[in-house]
Amino acid sequence: MKTTYLNSIWKISMGFLMSAAALYGNEFQEGKNIIETKCVSCHTGNINVGLSRIEGQRKTPEGWYMTIYRMKNHGLSITDREIKFAVKYLSDIQGLNYQETIPYRYILEQTPNYQEKYSTPLLTETCARCHSEARIGIQRRNFTEWTKLVDFHIGQFPTLEFQALSRDRDWVNIAKNEVVPYLSENFGNDKKFELKAIDFEGSWTLFGHKLGDGDFSATLKLTKTSKDNYSLTLDGNFVDGRELKATGNAIVYSGYEFRAKLDVNGISYNQIFAVNPQTLQLAGSMFETLHHEEYSFVKGAKNSDKETSILGVSPISVKAGNSKTITIIGNNLDKNIKLSNGLKINKVVEKSSNKVVLDVTASSKYDVKQIDLIFDSKTFEKELVVYKKIDALKIVPDYAISRVGDGGGAMPKQYANFEAIGLLAGTDGKIGTSDDISIGKVNAKWNIEAFDERAIEDEDVKYVGKIDAFSGKFTPSFAGPNPLRKFSTNNAGNIKVVATYKDGVETYKADSHMMVTVQKWVNPPIN
């Protein structure tokens, strides 16, 4: 029973990506037929004039998947294959427009340790105390539908009014008379979805950064197998030379939402990308299916794009008086290249349309100098920085969650990856302000300490797990009760993560806060 339950959780959460191999034929018509035959038993109207409840909403593929899956609790008999077709149909007729998703893509892309900046205390106190604000923002509903959603919460969670931030106020009237008008104004369904089909077939150049592992570039080749379905190959390298190769399948929803499942050396990975319909630039994430914390930020552009663009530069800094090899990834880069004063090109090591490798030397004349890249007459400002010494060290993330796993149950451990970033003070001469300049990741040494007196008393450092001194990767301990701890409690704890970096004669330290906690058993596609 435990294995079946776990498979269901993985499938709903990180395994949401629809396998292109499972979708064939006319998916759109199949989806329409399923909606017409499966949904009309409960929803009034028809598919041409609109079905009640459904017509008043627009959602991402993950949002529609969660809705349909929840309908099974209300008696809907539907197979996984039929769900895939229905999600595809609804996403293509009632999806979100690209710009509507931008503020909340972190929730779709499973960005680890992201801390939301709430728009108003109204939503924080009534909605975001149970789930993310992004779960609200990543859908659109009309006034009636937002009102019905409040009613749904009362019916589905009848004890809600007795919980904190409900029992001490008139929660229902606040939700209906204040929250619903706010939601209908800011997340209303007054706009229409515009399907703008993008030609994905062909080769795309990608630049990414994998947490703890560094920068990489790759060519993503997509071959159409049927409408909006593709087989793919990924062929690239990390900047340090390690290979990155993968094969898989992908499907496109709503014209621009790209979802793929890949095999990377026998390990399952997901890709969640969005392509801007105006610029045709790609951005998103790539992560292990069962460990979304093994995560990469990715940018990309199709190779047929005529515009010269830079997707990434690695590394982004050179110490004054030193020489270094710089790699530039982008599109249409095989042009005359220049650097602004402060960084001299010694040799062009490699040059192609998508990649330029330069041997450069930084001037010792400047304490801090930001460098422009110029391709023919096109200038990319402040892509590199020359510096003499850093002013401070910063750890990202500044707050992290890791979860015990494996030993006390089937859920895997959730790691935490930390990186140390060197900072330079900007023109104001102060650290911690908006004009700080990053020199990128530096090679710090890592250790963990107790966060507070309670953590010292409970010997948290002894039990929570280990951090790799060189990579900054934290591996939590096993799940379940530990007879060696007081009260045989589990291996949770409150931890300070410390990075130490030596730059010349000076040593810099920074710390971050990490909670090592228990397994999370409910992991929907949108938390």
Protein backbone atom coordinates (compact mmCIF):
# COMPACT_ATOMS: atom_id res chain seq x y z
CA MET A 1 0.00 0.00 0.00
CA LYS A 2 2.87 2.35 0.86
CA THR A 3 4.45 1.88 -2.58
CA THR A 4 1.15 2.52 -4.36
CA TYR A 5 0.58 5.68 -2.35
CA LEU A 6 4.10 6.92 -3.03
CA ASN A 7 3.78 6.30 -6.75
CA SER A 8 0.58 8.34 -6.73
CA ILE A 9 2.27 11.22 -4.89
CA TRP A 10 5.25 11.26 -7.28
CA LYS A 11 2.95 11.09 -10.26
CA ILE A 12 0.85 14.03 -9.07
CA SER A 13 3.83 16.14 -8.04
CA MET A 14 7.07 15.98 -9.98
CA GLY A 15 5.93 13.38 -12.44
CA PHE A 16 3.13 15.56 -13.85
CA LEU A 17 4.91 15.99 -17.19
CA MET A 18 2.87 14.41 -19.92
CA SER A 19 4.81 11.83 -21.88
CA ALA A 20 4.70 12.68 -25.54
CA ALA A 21 4.85 8.99 -26.36
CA ALA A 22 1.47 8.53 -24.69
CA LEU A 23 -0.19 11.23 -26.75
CA TYR A 24 -0.88 10.42 -30.35
CA GLY A 25 -3.34 11.17 -33.10
CA ASN A 26 -5.61 14.18 -32.83
CA GLU A 27 -5.11 15.05 -29.16
CA PHE A 28 -7.24 18.18 -29.39
CA GLN A 29 -10.30 16.33 -30.74
CA GLU A 30 -9.76 13.49 -28.28
CA GLY A 31 -9.72 16.00 -25.42
CA LYS A 32 -12.84 17.72 -26.69
CA ASN A 33 -14.67 14.41 -26.89
CA ILE A 34 -13.67 13.56 -23.32
CA ILE A 35 -14.91 16.91 -22.00
CA GLU A 36 -18.19 16.49 -23.93
CA THR A 37 -18.81 12.96 -22.65
CA LYS A 38 -17.25 12.99 -19.17
CA CYS A 39 -17.98 16.47 -17.83
CA VAL A 40 -21.58 17.15 -18.94
CA SER A 41 -22.98 14.73 -16.37
CA CYS A 42 -22.24 17.36 -13.69
CA HIS A 43 -21.64 20.61 -15.59
CA THR A 44 -24.58 22.25 -17.38
CA GLY A 45 -24.42 23.78 -20.85
CA ASN A 46 -22.40 22.38 -23.72
CA ILE A 47 -18.88 22.65 -25.04
CA ASN A 48 -19.83 25.19 -27.73
CA VAL A 49 -21.61 27.76 -25.54
CA GLY A 50 -19.65 26.89 -22.42
CA LEU A 51 -19.92 24.44 -19.55
CA SER A 52 -20.82 25.79 -16.12
CA ARG A 53 -17.87 26.36 -13.79
CA ILE A 54 -15.38 25.44 -16.51
CA GLU A 55 -16.05 28.44 -18.78
CA GLY A 56 -15.35 30.93 -15.98
CA GLN A 57 -11.76 29.77 -15.43
CA ARG A 58 -8.37 29.70 -17.14
CA LYS A 59 -5.39 27.73 -15.87
CA THR A 60 -1.94 26.37 -16.61
CA PRO A 61 -1.59 22.69 -17.61
CA GLU A 62 -0.70 21.84 -14.01
CA GLY A 63 -3.78 23.72 -12.80
CA TRP A 64 -6.14 21.85 -15.12
CA TYR A 65 -4.50 18.56 -14.18
CA MET A 66 -5.13 19.22 -10.47
CA THR A 67 -8.75 20.17 -11.18
CA ILE A 68 -9.51 17.06 -13.22
CA TYR A 69 -7.71 14.78 -10.78
CA ARG A 70 -9.74 16.28 -7.92
CA MET A 71 -12.95 15.56 -9.85
CA LYS A 72 -12.22 11.88 -9.33
CA ASN A 73 -13.09 12.49 -5.67
CA HIS A 74 -16.55 13.55 -6.87
CA GLY A 75 -17.21 10.41 -8.84
CA LEU A 76 -15.54 11.16 -12.18
CA SER A 77 -14.46 7.96 -13.88
CA ILE A 78 -11.49 8.83 -16.08
CA THR A 79 -8.26 7.09 -17.06
CA ASP A 80 -4.80 8.64 -16.89
CA ARG A 81 -4.68 8.63 -20.68
CA GLU A 82 -7.99 10.52 -20.85
CA ILE A 83 -6.74 13.04 -18.30
CA LYS A 84 -3.76 13.78 -20.55
CA PHE A 85 -6.01 14.51 -23.50
CA ALA A 86 -8.39 16.64 -21.43
CA VAL A 87 -5.53 18.70 -19.96
CA LYS A 88 -4.13 19.31 -23.44
CA TYR A 89 -7.52 20.47 -24.76
CA LEU A 90 -8.29 22.79 -21.83
CA SER A 91 -4.78 24.26 -21.83
CA ASP A 92 -5.08 25.10 -25.51
CA ILE A 93 -8.48 26.81 -25.27
CA GLN A 94 -8.49 28.15 -21.70
CA GLY A 95 -4.85 28.50 -20.75
CA LEU A 96 -3.02 31.51 -19.37
CA ASN A 97 -1.32 34.02 -21.64
CA TYR A 98 2.47 34.10 -21.34
CA GLN A 99 2.63 37.45 -19.54
CA GLU A 100 0.08 36.30 -16.96
CA THR A 101 2.39 33.50 -15.80
CA ILE A 102 5.59 35.55 -15.46
CA PRO A 103 5.23 36.69 -11.82
CA TYR A 104 4.57 33.14 -10.64
CA ARG A 105 6.72 30.90 -12.78
CA TYR A 106 8.77 29.86 -9.76
CA ILE A 107 5.89 27.69 -8.61
CA LEU A 108 5.56 25.95 -12.00
CA GLU A 109 9.32 25.52 -12.34
CA GLN A 110 9.68 24.04 -8.83
CA THR A 111 12.31 26.62 -7.83
CA PRO A 112 13.73 25.34 -4.53
CA ASN A 113 13.70 27.53 -1.40
CA TYR A 114 11.90 30.40 -3.14
CA GLN A 115 10.51 32.91 -0.64
CA GLU A 116 7.37 34.66 -1.82
CA LYS A 117 6.89 38.40 -1.49
CA TYR A 118 3.20 38.67 -0.69
CA SER A 119 1.20 41.34 -2.48
CA THR A 120 -1.15 42.15 0.40
CA PRO A 121 -1.77 41.00 4.01
CA LEU A 122 -5.33 40.27 2.90
CA LEU A 123 -4.18 37.26 0.85
CA THR A 124 -1.51 36.25 3.35
CA GLU A 125 -4.00 35.97 6.20
CA THR A 126 -6.84 34.33 4.31
CA CYS A 127 -5.19 32.22 1.61
CA ALA A 128 -1.40 32.03 1.72
CA ARG A 129 -1.28 30.63 5.24
CA CYS A 130 -2.25 27.25 3.72
CA HIS A 131 -0.74 27.39 0.24
CA SER A 132 1.41 29.68 -1.86
CA GLU A 133 0.13 32.96 -3.25
CA ALA A 134 1.34 31.68 -6.61
CA ARG A 135 -1.35 29.00 -6.52
CA ILE A 136 -3.85 31.87 -6.64
CA GLY A 137 -1.99 33.98 -9.18
CA ILE A 138 -1.44 31.15 -11.63
CA GLN A 139 -5.15 30.92 -12.48
CA ARG A 140 -7.90 33.26 -13.63
CA ARG A 141 -11.53 33.20 -12.47
CA ASN A 142 -14.48 35.55 -12.80
CA PHE A 143 -16.18 37.04 -9.72
CA THR A 144 -18.69 34.18 -9.46
CA GLU A 145 -16.00 31.53 -9.63
CA TRP A 146 -13.86 33.18 -6.94
CA THR A 147 -16.95 33.32 -4.73
CA LYS A 148 -17.66 29.65 -5.34
CA LEU A 149 -14.04 28.85 -4.47
CA VAL A 150 -14.58 30.39 -1.03
CA ASP A 151 -17.71 28.25 -0.62
CA PHE A 152 -15.72 25.20 -1.70
CA HIS A 153 -13.12 25.82 1.01
CA ILE A 154 -15.80 26.07 3.68
CA GLY A 155 -17.42 22.84 2.51
CA GLN A 156 -14.19 20.91 1.92
CA PHE A 157 -12.47 22.11 5.11
CA PRO A 158 -15.25 22.64 7.68
CA THR A 159 -12.77 23.09 10.57
CA LEU A 160 -11.14 26.02 8.79
CA GLU A 161 -13.10 28.60 10.79
CA PHE A 162 -11.68 27.21 14.03
CA GLN A 163 -8.06 27.60 12.93
CA ALA A 164 -5.70 30.50 13.58
CA LEU A 165 -6.44 33.64 11.54
CA SER A 166 -10.04 32.38 11.14
CA ARG A 167 -11.48 31.90 14.61
CA ASP A 168 -10.38 35.38 15.72
CA ARG A 169 -12.16 37.24 12.91
CA ASP A 170 -15.19 37.10 10.65
CA TRP A 171 -13.33 34.97 8.12
CA VAL A 172 -16.23 34.12 5.80
CA ASN A 173 -17.41 37.70 5.33
CA ILE A 174 -13.83 38.95 4.94
CA ALA A 175 -13.22 36.27 2.30
CA LYS A 176 -16.41 37.04 0.38
CA ASN A 177 -16.62 40.83 0.77
CA GLU A 178 -12.93 41.79 0.67
CA VAL A 179 -10.85 38.95 -0.75
CA VAL A 180 -13.15 37.98 -3.64
CA PRO A 181 -13.36 41.56 -5.02
CA TYR A 182 -9.56 41.80 -4.77
CA LEU A 183 -9.10 38.49 -6.59
CA SER A 184 -11.61 39.30 -9.33
CA GLU A 185 -9.89 42.64 -9.93
CA ASN A 186 -6.31 41.32 -9.94
CA PHE A 187 -6.82 37.75 -11.15
CA GLY A 188 -10.12 38.03 -12.99
CA ASN A 189 -11.06 36.24 -16.17
CA ASP A 190 -11.84 39.38 -18.17
CA LYS A 191 -9.14 38.68 -20.76
CA LYS A 192 -9.24 35.94 -23.36
CA PHE A 193 -6.58 33.32 -23.94
CA GLU A 194 -4.72 33.81 -27.23
CA LEU A 195 -3.09 30.70 -28.61
CA LYS A 196 0.09 31.76 -30.41
CA ALA A 197 1.65 28.64 -31.86
CA ILE A 198 5.46 28.55 -31.81
CA ASP A 199 7.51 26.35 -34.12
CA PHE A 200 9.59 24.35 -31.63
CA GLU A 201 11.06 21.87 -34.10
CA GLY A 202 14.77 22.32 -34.71
CA SER A 203 17.82 23.10 -32.58
CA TRP A 204 17.90 25.36 -29.54
CA THR A 205 21.00 26.61 -27.74
CA LEU A 206 20.74 26.42 -23.95
CA PHE A 207 22.78 27.98 -21.16
CA GLY A 208 22.16 26.85 -17.60
CA HIS A 209 23.46 26.81 -14.08
CA LYS A 210 23.04 23.70 -11.91
CA LEU A 211 23.03 24.42 -8.21
CA GLY A 212 26.29 23.17 -6.73
CA ASP A 213 27.62 21.95 -10.08
CA GLY A 214 28.15 25.15 -12.06
CA ASP A 215 27.42 26.47 -15.55
CA PHE A 216 26.71 24.40 -18.67
CA SER A 217 25.71 24.85 -22.29
CA ALA A 218 23.92 22.42 -24.57
CA THR A 219 22.09 21.95 -27.84
CA LEU A 220 18.48 20.84 -27.47
CA LYS A 221 17.26 19.19 -30.68
CA LEU A 222 13.49 18.74 -31.06
CA THR A 223 11.92 16.48 -33.68
CA LYS A 224 8.16 16.61 -34.14
CA THR A 225 6.40 13.27 -33.69
CA SER A 226 2.85 14.67 -33.91
CA LYS A 227 1.17 18.02 -33.31
CA ASP A 228 2.81 19.65 -30.25
CA ASN A 229 4.71 16.44 -29.43
CA TYR A 230 8.47 16.02 -29.86
CA SER A 231 11.30 13.60 -29.32
CA LEU A 232 14.42 15.31 -28.04
CA THR A 233 18.15 14.98 -27.58
CA LEU A 234 20.28 17.12 -25.31
CA ASP A 235 24.00 17.33 -26.03
CA GLY A 236 26.28 19.60 -24.05
CA ASN A 237 28.97 20.12 -21.46
CA PHE A 238 29.55 21.81 -18.16
CA VAL A 239 32.16 24.56 -18.33
CA ASP A 240 34.60 22.27 -16.50
CA GLY A 241 34.28 19.72 -19.34
CA ARG A 242 31.84 17.17 -17.90
CA GLU A 243 29.38 15.85 -20.47
CA LEU A 244 25.65 16.47 -20.33
CA LYS A 245 23.70 14.15 -22.61
CA ALA A 246 20.07 13.12 -22.56
CA THR A 247 17.17 11.79 -24.61
CA GLY A 248 13.46 12.15 -24.00
CA ASN A 249 10.05 13.36 -25.08
CA ALA A 250 8.27 16.70 -24.83
CA ILE A 251 4.84 18.23 -25.27
CA VAL A 252 3.79 21.86 -25.70
CA TYR A 253 0.67 23.28 -24.04
CA SER A 254 -1.00 26.64 -24.67
CA GLY A 255 1.38 27.30 -27.55
CA TYR A 256 4.38 28.17 -25.34
CA GLU A 257 4.41 25.93 -22.24
CA PHE A 258 7.10 23.27 -22.84
CA ARG A 259 7.17 20.15 -20.67
CA ALA A 260 9.69 17.35 -21.14
CA LYS A 261 10.81 14.15 -19.48
CA LEU A 262 14.47 13.19 -20.03
CA ASP A 263 16.84 10.37 -19.21
CA VAL A 264 20.24 11.69 -18.07
CA ASN A 265 22.60 8.78 -17.47
CA GLY A 266 19.74 6.62 -16.21
CA ILE A 267 18.27 9.34 -13.99
CA SER A 268 14.87 10.84 -14.80
CA TYR A 269 14.82 14.63 -15.26
CA ASN A 270 12.05 17.14 -15.98
CA GLN A 271 12.24 20.30 -18.05
CA ILE A 272 9.70 23.08 -17.54
CA PHE A 273 10.20 25.93 -20.01
CA ALA A 274 8.19 28.85 -21.30
CA VAL A 275 8.95 30.55 -24.61
CA ASN A 276 8.19 34.24 -24.96
CA PRO A 277 5.97 34.48 -28.08
CA GLN A 278 7.43 37.92 -28.92
CA THR A 279 11.18 37.31 -28.47
CA LEU A 280 11.15 33.51 -28.86
CA GLN A 281 13.54 33.37 -25.90
CA LEU A 282 13.22 30.31 -23.68
CA ALA A 283 13.55 30.24 -19.89
CA GLY A 284 12.79 27.75 -17.16
CA SER A 285 14.15 24.87 -15.14
CA MET A 286 15.58 21.38 -15.38
CA PHE A 287 15.63 19.12 -12.32
CA GLU A 288 15.68 15.51 -11.19
CA THR A 289 12.17 14.09 -11.15
CA LEU A 290 12.53 12.70 -7.63
CA HIS A 291 14.83 15.45 -6.34
CA HIS A 292 13.68 18.82 -7.58
CA GLU A 293 16.37 20.39 -5.39
CA GLU A 294 18.90 19.00 -7.90
CA TYR A 295 17.99 21.99 -9.98
CA SER A 296 19.20 24.05 -12.94
CA PHE A 297 18.17 27.50 -14.12
CA VAL A 298 18.04 27.48 -17.94
CA LYS A 299 17.83 30.08 -20.73
CA GLY A 300 17.67 29.33 -24.43
CA ALA A 301 17.12 30.55 -27.97
CA LYS A 302 16.33 28.81 -31.23
CA ASN A 303 19.30 28.62 -33.58
CA SER A 304 17.32 29.96 -36.52
CA ASP A 305 16.88 33.28 -34.71
CA LYS A 306 18.67 36.00 -36.68
CA GLU A 307 19.13 38.27 -33.67
CA THR A 308 22.50 38.33 -31.89
CA SER A 309 21.84 37.42 -28.27
CA ILE A 310 23.80 36.37 -25.20
CA LEU A 311 22.33 33.62 -23.05
CA GLY A 312 25.16 33.39 -20.55
CA VAL A 313 28.79 34.13 -19.76
CA SER A 314 31.01 31.91 -17.60
CA PRO A 315 32.74 32.93 -15.46
CA ILE A 316 31.40 36.49 -15.08
CA SER A 317 34.46 37.94 -13.35
CA VAL A 318 38.24 38.19 -13.67
CA LYS A 319 40.55 39.30 -10.88
CA ALA A 320 42.67 42.35 -11.69
CA GLY A 321 46.02 41.45 -13.23
CA ASN A 322 44.97 37.83 -13.88
CA SER A 323 44.22 35.89 -17.05
CA LYS A 324 41.26 33.60 -17.53
CA THR A 325 39.29 31.68 -20.14
CA ILE A 326 35.81 33.12 -20.70
CA THR A 327 32.96 31.23 -22.42
CA ILE A 328 30.09 33.14 -24.05
CA ILE A 329 26.95 31.25 -25.11
CA GLY A 330 24.26 32.74 -27.35
CA ASN A 331 23.03 33.14 -30.91
CA ASN A 332 24.74 34.64 -33.99
CA LEU A 333 27.98 35.30 -32.14
CA ASP A 334 30.31 34.70 -35.11
CA LYS A 335 31.00 38.43 -35.55
CA ASN A 336 33.76 40.84 -34.64
CA ILE A 337 34.03 40.89 -30.88
CA LYS A 338 35.42 43.59 -28.62
CA LEU A 339 35.59 44.19 -24.89
CA SER A 340 35.40 47.56 -23.18
CA ASN A 341 38.42 48.99 -21.36
CA GLY A 342 39.70 46.90 -18.48
CA LEU A 343 39.71 43.47 -20.13
CA LYS A 344 41.98 42.56 -23.04
CA ILE A 345 41.47 39.69 -25.48
CA ASN A 346 44.69 37.69 -25.77
CA LYS A 347 43.30 35.04 -28.07
CA VAL A 348 40.03 33.82 -29.55
CA VAL A 349 40.21 30.15 -28.56
CA GLU A 350 36.91 29.10 -30.19
CA LYS A 351 34.31 30.87 -32.25
CA SER A 352 31.00 29.72 -33.70
CA SER A 353 27.49 31.04 -34.08
CA ASN A 354 26.53 29.79 -30.61
CA LYS A 355 29.77 29.79 -28.65
CA VAL A 356 32.78 32.05 -28.23
CA VAL A 357 35.73 31.14 -25.98
CA LEU A 358 38.21 33.90 -25.16
CA ASP A 359 41.55 33.98 -23.37
CA VAL A 360 41.55 37.35 -21.58
CA THR A 361 43.67 39.39 -19.16
CA ALA A 362 42.25 41.88 -16.69
CA SER A 363 43.88 45.24 -16.17
CA SER A 364 45.39 45.86 -12.71
CA LYS A 365 44.41 49.50 -13.03
CA TYR A 366 40.87 49.21 -11.67
CA ASP A 367 39.53 48.27 -8.24
CA VAL A 368 36.15 47.52 -9.82
CA LYS A 369 35.28 47.78 -13.52
CA GLN A 370 32.22 46.40 -15.28
CA ILE A 371 32.93 45.25 -18.81
CA ASP A 372 30.74 45.46 -21.93
CA LEU A 373 30.74 42.86 -24.71
CA ILE A 374 30.46 44.26 -28.26
CA PHE A 375 29.53 42.09 -31.26
CA ASP A 376 29.92 44.26 -34.37
CA SER A 377 27.81 47.28 -33.43
CA LYS A 378 25.66 45.57 -30.77
CA THR A 379 26.68 46.22 -27.17
CA PHE A 380 25.80 44.04 -24.19
CA GLU A 381 26.45 46.16 -21.12
CA LYS A 382 28.08 45.01 -17.88
CA GLU A 383 28.31 41.32 -18.77
CA LEU A 384 31.67 40.90 -16.98
CA VAL A 385 33.44 42.48 -14.03
CA VAL A 386 37.10 43.10 -13.19
CA TYR A 387 37.87 43.42 -9.48
CA LYS A 388 40.82 43.54 -7.06
CA LYS A 389 39.15 42.03 -3.98
CA ILE A 390 35.67 41.19 -2.82
CA ASP A 391 33.89 43.27 -0.21
CA ALA A 392 31.61 40.59 1.19
CA LEU A 393 30.46 37.00 0.93
CA LYS A 394 26.85 35.95 0.49
CA ILE A 395 25.22 32.51 0.64
CA VAL A 396 22.36 31.52 -1.62
CA PRO A 397 19.82 30.58 -0.59
CA ASP A 398 19.74 32.62 2.62
CA TYR A 399 17.08 30.26 3.95
CA ALA A 400 16.66 26.62 3.00
CA ILE A 401 14.63 23.56 3.86
CA SER A 402 16.00 20.02 3.78
CA ARG A 403 13.96 16.92 4.61
CA VAL A 404 14.98 13.62 6.15
CA GLY A 405 13.96 10.55 4.19
CA ASP A 406 14.54 6.98 3.09
CA GLY A 407 15.10 5.16 6.40
CA GLY A 408 11.73 5.82 8.00
CA GLY A 409 9.61 5.58 4.88
CA ALA A 410 9.60 5.47 1.12
CA MET A 411 9.90 9.22 0.51
CA PRO A 412 13.44 10.13 -0.61
CA LYS A 413 15.61 12.63 1.21
CA GLN A 414 15.41 16.26 0.12
CA TYR A 415 18.91 17.69 -0.13
CA ALA A 416 19.92 21.33 0.06
CA ASN A 417 22.50 22.94 -2.23
CA PHE A 418 24.32 26.08 -1.13
CA GLU A 419 26.56 28.41 -3.12
CA ALA A 420 28.85 31.20 -1.93
CA ILE A 421 28.74 34.40 -3.99
CA GLY A 422 31.39 37.12 -3.89
CA LEU A 423 30.01 40.67 -3.70
CA LEU A 424 31.46 44.06 -4.56
CA ALA A 425 30.07 47.32 -3.25
CA GLY A 426 28.53 49.42 -6.04
CA THR A 427 28.83 53.15 -6.55
CA ASP A 428 27.32 53.87 -3.12
CA GLY A 429 30.19 52.01 -1.46
CA LYS A 430 27.79 49.95 0.67
CA ILE A 431 27.06 46.22 0.75
CA GLY A 432 23.46 45.08 0.89
CA THR A 433 22.06 47.71 -1.46
CA SER A 434 20.58 47.44 -4.94
CA ASP A 435 23.80 48.36 -6.75
CA ASP A 436 25.91 45.51 -5.30
CA ILE A 437 27.92 43.72 -7.99
CA SER A 438 28.20 39.92 -8.04
CA ILE A 439 31.42 38.24 -9.17
CA GLY A 440 29.61 34.89 -9.24
CA LYS A 441 30.24 31.69 -7.35
CA VAL A 442 33.47 31.36 -5.35
CA ASN A 443 35.05 28.19 -3.97
CA ALA A 444 34.24 28.42 -0.27
CA LYS A 445 34.65 25.83 2.47
CA TRP A 446 31.48 24.70 4.23
CA ASN A 447 30.40 23.56 7.68
CA ILE A 448 27.25 23.53 9.80
CA GLU A 449 26.62 24.87 13.29
CA ALA A 450 23.70 24.93 15.71
CA PHE A 451 21.39 27.84 14.93
CA ASP A 452 20.39 28.67 18.50
CA GLU A 453 20.67 27.49 22.11
CA ARG A 454 17.90 24.94 21.70
CA ALA A 455 19.75 23.43 18.73
CA ILE A 456 22.89 23.20 20.87
CA GLU A 457 20.98 21.50 23.69
CA ASP A 458 19.38 19.00 21.28
CA GLU A 459 22.73 18.31 19.53
CA ASP A 460 21.15 19.02 16.16
CA VAL A 461 24.51 19.18 14.35
CA LYS A 462 25.27 15.64 15.45
CA TYR A 463 22.07 14.16 14.06
CA VAL A 464 20.62 16.18 11.17
CA GLY A 465 23.07 15.12 8.44
CA LYS A 466 26.30 16.22 6.75
CA ILE A 467 27.41 19.01 4.47
CA ASP A 468 30.15 18.44 1.90
CA ALA A 469 33.00 20.80 2.82
CA PHE A 470 33.80 21.58 -0.83
CA SER A 471 30.53 21.43 -2.79
CA GLY A 472 28.12 22.93 -0.24
CA LYS A 473 25.66 20.06 -0.71
CA PHE A 474 23.83 19.04 2.46
CA THR A 475 22.61 15.45 2.80
CA PRO A 476 20.04 14.98 5.58
CA SER A 477 19.88 11.98 7.89
CA PHE A 478 17.39 9.12 7.81
CA ALA A 479 13.69 9.52 8.56
CA GLY A 480 11.84 8.10 11.50
CA PRO A 481 12.52 8.00 15.25
CA ASN A 482 16.15 7.95 16.38
CA PRO A 483 16.62 6.04 19.68
CA LEU A 484 19.88 7.89 20.29
CA ARG A 485 18.14 11.26 20.56
CA LYS A 486 16.26 12.64 23.51
CA PHE A 487 12.73 11.20 23.55
CA SER A 488 13.74 9.13 20.48
CA THR A 489 12.71 12.05 18.31
CA ASN A 490 13.47 12.23 14.59
CA ASN A 491 16.54 13.78 12.99
CA ALA A 492 15.05 17.23 12.41
CA GLY A 493 16.98 20.29 13.52
CA ASN A 494 17.67 24.03 13.29
CA ILE A 495 20.96 24.70 11.54
CA LYS A 496 23.30 27.52 10.57
CA VAL A 497 25.18 26.87 7.31
CA VAL A 498 28.56 28.61 7.26
CA ALA A 499 30.78 29.42 4.25
CA THR A 500 34.42 30.52 4.62
CA TYR A 501 36.35 32.03 1.72
CA LYS A 502 39.92 33.32 1.60
CA ASP A 503 40.63 36.13 -0.88
CA GLY A 504 44.30 37.07 -0.71
CA VAL A 505 45.18 37.75 2.92
CA GLU A 506 41.58 38.32 3.97
CA THR A 507 39.10 35.69 5.10
CA TYR A 508 35.36 36.18 4.63
CA LYS A 509 32.51 34.37 6.31
CA ALA A 510 28.78 34.23 5.70
CA ASP A 511 25.99 32.11 7.07
CA SER A 512 22.55 30.90 6.04
CA HIS A 513 19.63 29.40 7.94
CA MET A 514 18.42 25.85 7.23
CA MET A 515 15.59 23.89 8.75
CA VAL A 516 16.02 20.13 8.51
CA THR A 517 12.53 18.77 8.85
CA VAL A 518 10.28 15.78 8.18
CA GLN A 519 9.07 14.34 4.91
CA LYS A 520 6.41 16.12 2.90
CA TRP A 521 3.84 13.60 1.75
CA VAL A 522 1.51 15.85 -0.24
CA ASN A 523 3.26 17.40 -3.23
CA PRO A 524 0.82 18.74 -5.82
CA PRO A 525 2.15 20.22 -9.08
CA ILE A 526 1.28 23.68 -7.72
CA ASN A 527 1.82 23.97 -3.95
